[in-house]
Amino acid sequence: MDQSYLTDAELPAAIDSGSGADRQALDFINSWVASELLYQEAVKRGLADTEEIRRRLEQTRKHLAIDALLNEEIYNSDSAQVSAQAVRALFNTNAQDLRLREDVVNLSYIKSSERAAANDFRSRVLRGASWDDALHHMQGDSVLRQALLQSVQRRYFTKATLYPEELWRLARTLDEEEVSFVLTTNAGSYVLTVHSFKRQGELPDWEYIKNELRERLLIKERRRLYEKLLGKLRQKHTVELYVGTADTVGTTE
């Protein structure tokens, strides 16, 4: 009789706590049981050790080994790093190609369930408190804290990513660092301030573009390391191509 066991340690970590954990655990166990029953039946029918299965297992083993090698040599290598100076240089030399294709705003806002709480926040900022200090006060007050639904600080948005759409219309009317009036929408009451507003065709803020530039350079550096690794391996091995009824490629040390 075939026997398989599922231990508590093998249950996904996400099931360990939280609401609905028992239901998630039961679903996982039922799925595991179904897989085991099907697998054992496949084994009994001799379907687990066919030539096709062995070929696919070998292909999977090969892909996993290649991934492990590339992670070690390229993706997790200290060599595949991009300096801040290189990113800045790319920004300086490619400025004309980096001009924005759409308007981008950098802003902060708070969203409150109560208009009065939003007004209290706005009044503190207008009286001279910094945005952070006013937010800390709101978070520390037992009544105001309950009304605070969301706080966003110095985040970039386009028209498509800023919701609700009333926020975009309001942001377009504000000068830099100006504090808005309380905007009440179906989602809540907002107070916002714009730190920068860049229009289509203008150069983006450094903070907005630097991660994209770093990723470009990182891809380029990883490609260089990949080609370098392949070059070393080609020197280490002999690659022979046999042309007959079917093309065959072999490698030898």
Protein backbone atom coordinates (compact mmCIF):
# COMPACT_ATOMS: atom_id res chain seq x y z
CA MET A 1 0.00 0.00 0.00
CA ASP A 2 1.43 3.36 -1.05
CA GLN A 3 1.70 5.89 1.76
CA SER A 4 2.37 9.63 1.70
CA TYR A 5 2.32 12.10 4.56
CA LEU A 6 1.70 15.82 4.80
CA THR A 7 3.13 17.40 7.96
CA ASP A 8 2.27 20.71 9.62
CA ALA A 9 5.70 22.01 8.62
CA GLU A 10 4.81 21.59 4.95
CA LEU A 11 1.74 23.80 5.13
CA PRO A 12 2.32 27.21 3.49
CA ALA A 13 3.50 29.89 5.92
CA ALA A 14 0.63 32.16 4.87
CA ILE A 15 -1.81 29.73 6.51
CA ASP A 16 -0.19 30.03 9.93
CA SER A 17 -2.25 33.02 11.05
CA GLY A 18 -5.00 35.40 10.07
CA SER A 19 -8.68 35.12 9.46
CA GLY A 20 -9.79 32.20 7.33
CA ALA A 21 -6.64 30.20 8.13
CA ASP A 22 -8.60 27.00 8.83
CA ARG A 23 -10.41 27.26 5.50
CA GLN A 24 -7.14 27.90 3.66
CA ALA A 25 -5.49 24.95 5.37
CA LEU A 26 -8.38 22.64 4.46
CA ASP A 27 -8.30 23.78 0.83
CA PHE A 28 -4.55 23.15 0.69
CA ILE A 29 -4.91 19.68 2.25
CA ASN A 30 -7.69 18.71 -0.16
CA SER A 31 -5.58 19.86 -3.10
CA TRP A 32 -2.57 17.91 -1.77
CA VAL A 33 -4.68 14.74 -1.33
CA ALA A 34 -6.05 15.03 -4.87
CA SER A 35 -2.54 15.44 -6.29
CA GLU A 36 -1.23 12.43 -4.35
CA LEU A 37 -4.10 10.20 -5.46
CA LEU A 38 -3.60 11.15 -9.08
CA TYR A 39 0.18 10.73 -8.85
CA GLN A 40 -0.03 7.29 -7.25
CA GLU A 41 -2.48 6.14 -9.90
CA ALA A 42 -0.12 7.43 -12.61
CA VAL A 43 2.75 5.47 -11.00
CA LYS A 44 0.68 2.27 -10.93
CA ARG A 45 -0.05 2.66 -14.63
CA GLY A 46 3.62 3.12 -15.44
CA LEU A 47 3.15 6.71 -16.57
CA ALA A 48 5.68 8.22 -14.16
CA ASP A 49 8.76 6.68 -15.76
CA THR A 50 8.22 6.95 -19.49
CA GLU A 51 10.81 8.17 -21.96
CA GLU A 52 8.87 11.42 -22.37
CA ILE A 53 8.78 12.02 -18.60
CA ARG A 54 12.53 11.38 -18.32
CA ARG A 55 13.20 13.76 -21.22
CA ARG A 56 11.09 16.51 -19.66
CA LEU A 57 12.68 15.97 -16.24
CA GLU A 58 16.13 16.29 -17.80
CA GLN A 59 15.09 19.50 -19.55
CA THR A 60 13.73 20.88 -16.27
CA ARG A 61 16.93 19.91 -14.44
CA LYS A 62 18.99 21.63 -17.14
CA HIS A 63 16.95 24.85 -16.95
CA LEU A 64 17.16 24.92 -13.15
CA ALA A 65 20.92 24.39 -13.26
CA ILE A 66 21.33 27.19 -15.82
CA ASP A 67 19.21 29.52 -13.69
CA ALA A 68 21.37 28.71 -10.66
CA LEU A 69 24.55 29.43 -12.64
CA LEU A 70 23.23 32.74 -14.00
CA ASN A 71 22.09 33.81 -10.54
CA GLU A 72 25.54 33.07 -9.16
CA GLU A 73 27.54 34.63 -11.99
CA ILE A 74 25.29 37.53 -13.01
CA TYR A 75 22.11 38.38 -11.12
CA ASN A 76 23.51 37.99 -7.60
CA SER A 77 27.06 38.92 -8.49
CA ASP A 78 28.76 41.95 -6.96
CA SER A 79 30.03 42.68 -10.47
CA ALA A 80 26.50 43.41 -11.72
CA GLN A 81 26.23 46.71 -9.87
CA VAL A 82 25.52 50.19 -11.16
CA SER A 83 27.01 53.22 -9.46
CA ALA A 84 25.06 56.37 -8.69
CA GLN A 85 27.59 58.29 -10.78
CA ALA A 86 26.86 56.11 -13.82
CA VAL A 87 23.13 56.67 -13.43
CA ARG A 88 23.61 60.43 -13.14
CA ALA A 89 25.89 60.43 -16.19
CA LEU A 90 23.23 58.62 -18.23
CA PHE A 91 20.70 61.24 -17.16
CA ASN A 92 22.99 64.10 -18.13
CA THR A 93 23.95 62.70 -21.53
CA ASN A 94 20.46 61.53 -22.57
CA ALA A 95 18.32 64.38 -21.26
CA GLN A 96 16.65 65.08 -24.60
CA ASP A 97 15.50 61.46 -24.92
CA LEU A 98 14.05 61.45 -21.41
CA ARG A 99 11.46 64.17 -21.87
CA LEU A 100 8.10 63.25 -20.43
CA ARG A 101 5.42 61.78 -22.63
CA GLU A 102 2.68 62.85 -20.21
CA ASP A 103 2.21 65.21 -17.27
CA VAL A 104 3.63 63.97 -13.95
CA VAL A 105 2.92 65.39 -10.50
CA ASN A 106 4.76 64.79 -7.25
CA LEU A 107 2.45 65.40 -4.31
CA SER A 108 1.47 64.56 -0.76
CA TYR A 109 -2.05 64.17 0.55
CA ILE A 110 -4.09 62.95 3.46
CA LYS A 111 -7.51 61.36 3.14
CA SER A 112 -9.96 61.58 6.02
CA SER A 113 -13.39 60.11 6.64
CA GLU A 114 -14.37 63.36 8.39
CA ARG A 115 -14.19 66.79 6.76
CA ALA A 116 -13.61 68.39 10.18
CA ALA A 117 -10.50 66.26 10.73
CA ALA A 118 -9.17 67.23 7.30
CA ASN A 119 -9.83 70.89 8.14
CA ASP A 120 -7.93 70.53 11.40
CA PHE A 121 -4.94 69.09 9.52
CA ARG A 122 -5.03 71.88 6.92
CA SER A 123 -5.29 74.60 9.58
CA ARG A 124 -2.20 73.32 11.38
CA VAL A 125 -0.14 73.41 8.18
CA LEU A 126 -1.39 76.90 7.32
CA ARG A 127 -0.45 78.10 10.82
CA GLY A 128 3.15 77.06 10.23
CA ALA A 129 3.40 73.38 11.16
CA SER A 130 5.28 71.22 8.68
CA TRP A 131 3.33 68.61 6.75
CA ASP A 132 5.06 65.84 8.74
CA ASP A 133 4.36 67.50 12.10
CA ALA A 134 0.69 67.98 11.26
CA LEU A 135 0.48 64.33 10.21
CA HIS A 136 2.16 63.15 13.41
CA HIS A 137 -0.32 65.19 15.42
CA MET A 138 -3.21 63.62 13.55
CA GLN A 139 -1.81 60.13 14.05
CA GLY A 140 -1.26 60.78 17.76
CA ASP A 141 -4.71 62.18 18.48
CA SER A 142 -7.19 59.43 19.40
CA VAL A 143 -10.11 61.11 17.63
CA LEU A 144 -8.31 62.39 14.55
CA ARG A 145 -6.48 59.08 14.11
CA GLN A 146 -9.76 57.25 13.65
CA ALA A 147 -10.71 59.60 10.81
CA LEU A 148 -7.36 59.27 8.97
CA LEU A 149 -7.90 56.86 6.08
CA GLN A 150 -4.69 57.33 4.09
CA SER A 151 -1.48 59.32 4.01
CA VAL A 152 0.64 59.65 0.87
CA GLN A 153 3.94 61.51 0.94
CA ARG A 154 5.97 62.72 -2.04
CA ARG A 155 4.69 60.17 -4.51
CA TYR A 156 4.61 60.55 -8.28
CA PHE A 157 1.37 60.28 -10.22
CA THR A 158 0.09 60.66 -13.75
CA LYS A 159 -3.50 61.46 -14.61
CA ALA A 160 -4.17 57.74 -15.06
CA THR A 161 -2.76 56.74 -11.65
CA LEU A 162 -4.22 59.47 -9.42
CA TYR A 163 -7.65 58.57 -8.06
CA PRO A 164 -10.24 59.96 -7.65
CA GLU A 165 -9.97 62.14 -10.75
CA GLU A 166 -10.92 65.27 -8.77
CA LEU A 167 -7.45 65.15 -7.21
CA TRP A 168 -5.78 65.56 -10.59
CA ARG A 169 -7.93 68.55 -11.46
CA LEU A 170 -7.13 70.15 -8.12
CA ALA A 171 -3.40 69.40 -8.35
CA ARG A 172 -3.20 71.20 -11.70
CA THR A 173 -4.41 74.43 -10.07
CA LEU A 174 -1.90 74.52 -7.19
CA ASP A 175 1.45 76.27 -7.06
CA GLU A 176 4.41 74.32 -5.66
CA GLU A 177 4.09 73.68 -1.90
CA GLU A 178 0.68 75.38 -1.80
CA VAL A 179 -1.79 73.68 0.55
CA SER A 180 -5.15 72.96 -1.03
CA PHE A 181 -8.59 73.53 0.36
CA VAL A 182 -10.39 70.48 1.74
CA LEU A 183 -11.69 68.50 -1.21
CA THR A 184 -14.59 66.22 -0.31
CA THR A 185 -15.32 63.31 -2.65
CA ASN A 186 -17.24 60.04 -2.43
CA ALA A 187 -13.99 58.42 -1.26
CA GLY A 188 -13.33 60.90 1.58
CA SER A 189 -12.03 64.37 2.33
CA TYR A 190 -8.58 65.27 0.99
CA VAL A 191 -5.92 67.87 1.66
CA LEU A 192 -3.01 67.90 -0.75
CA THR A 193 0.10 69.81 -1.66
CA VAL A 194 2.07 69.68 -4.90
CA HIS A 195 5.87 69.46 -4.68
CA SER A 196 6.44 69.55 -8.43
CA PHE A 197 4.38 69.42 -11.60
CA LYS A 198 6.16 68.48 -14.81
CA ARG A 199 4.32 68.74 -18.08
CA GLN A 200 4.60 66.64 -21.21
CA GLY A 201 7.80 67.49 -23.06
CA GLU A 202 9.65 68.71 -19.96
CA LEU A 203 12.57 66.95 -18.30
CA PRO A 204 11.45 64.71 -15.41
CA ASP A 205 12.53 65.11 -11.81
CA TRP A 206 15.68 63.17 -10.97
CA GLU A 207 13.82 61.18 -8.30
CA TYR A 208 11.17 60.19 -10.83
CA ILE A 209 13.53 58.85 -13.48
CA LYS A 210 16.57 57.54 -11.58
CA ASN A 211 15.23 54.02 -10.90
CA GLU A 212 14.31 53.54 -14.57
CA LEU A 213 17.79 54.68 -15.62
CA ARG A 214 19.43 52.40 -13.09
CA GLU A 215 17.43 49.46 -14.45
CA ARG A 216 18.53 50.29 -18.00
CA LEU A 217 22.18 50.27 -16.96
CA LEU A 218 21.70 47.11 -14.91
CA ILE A 219 20.23 45.27 -17.91
CA LYS A 220 23.14 46.44 -20.05
CA GLU A 221 25.69 45.33 -17.44
CA ARG A 222 24.05 41.94 -17.01
CA ARG A 223 24.10 41.46 -20.77
CA ARG A 224 27.82 42.28 -20.78
CA LEU A 225 28.48 39.76 -18.01
CA TYR A 226 26.41 37.16 -19.84
CA GLU A 227 28.42 37.60 -23.05
CA LYS A 228 31.66 37.52 -21.04
CA LEU A 229 30.61 34.26 -19.36
CA LEU A 230 29.70 32.70 -22.69
CA GLY A 231 33.04 33.80 -24.13
CA LYS A 232 34.93 32.12 -21.29
CA LEU A 233 32.93 28.93 -21.72
CA ARG A 234 33.53 28.89 -25.48
CA GLN A 235 37.26 29.09 -24.82
CA LYS A 236 37.02 26.33 -22.23
CA HIS A 237 34.99 23.94 -24.39
CA THR A 238 35.17 22.80 -27.98
CA VAL A 239 31.92 23.18 -29.90
CA GLU A 240 31.54 20.89 -32.90
CA LEU A 241 28.74 20.99 -35.46
CA TYR A 242 27.92 17.85 -37.44
CA VAL A 243 25.78 18.32 -40.51
CA GLY A 244 24.02 15.22 -41.77
CA THR A 245 20.45 14.08 -41.98
CA ALA A 246 19.95 16.22 -38.89
CA ASP A 247 22.09 18.98 -37.46
CA THR A 248 23.89 17.95 -34.28
CA VAL A 249 25.86 20.16 -31.93
CA GLY A 250 28.21 18.76 -29.33
CA THR A 251 30.50 20.23 -26.72
CA THR A 252 33.60 18.74 -25.17
CA GLU A 253 36.04 19.90 -22.52
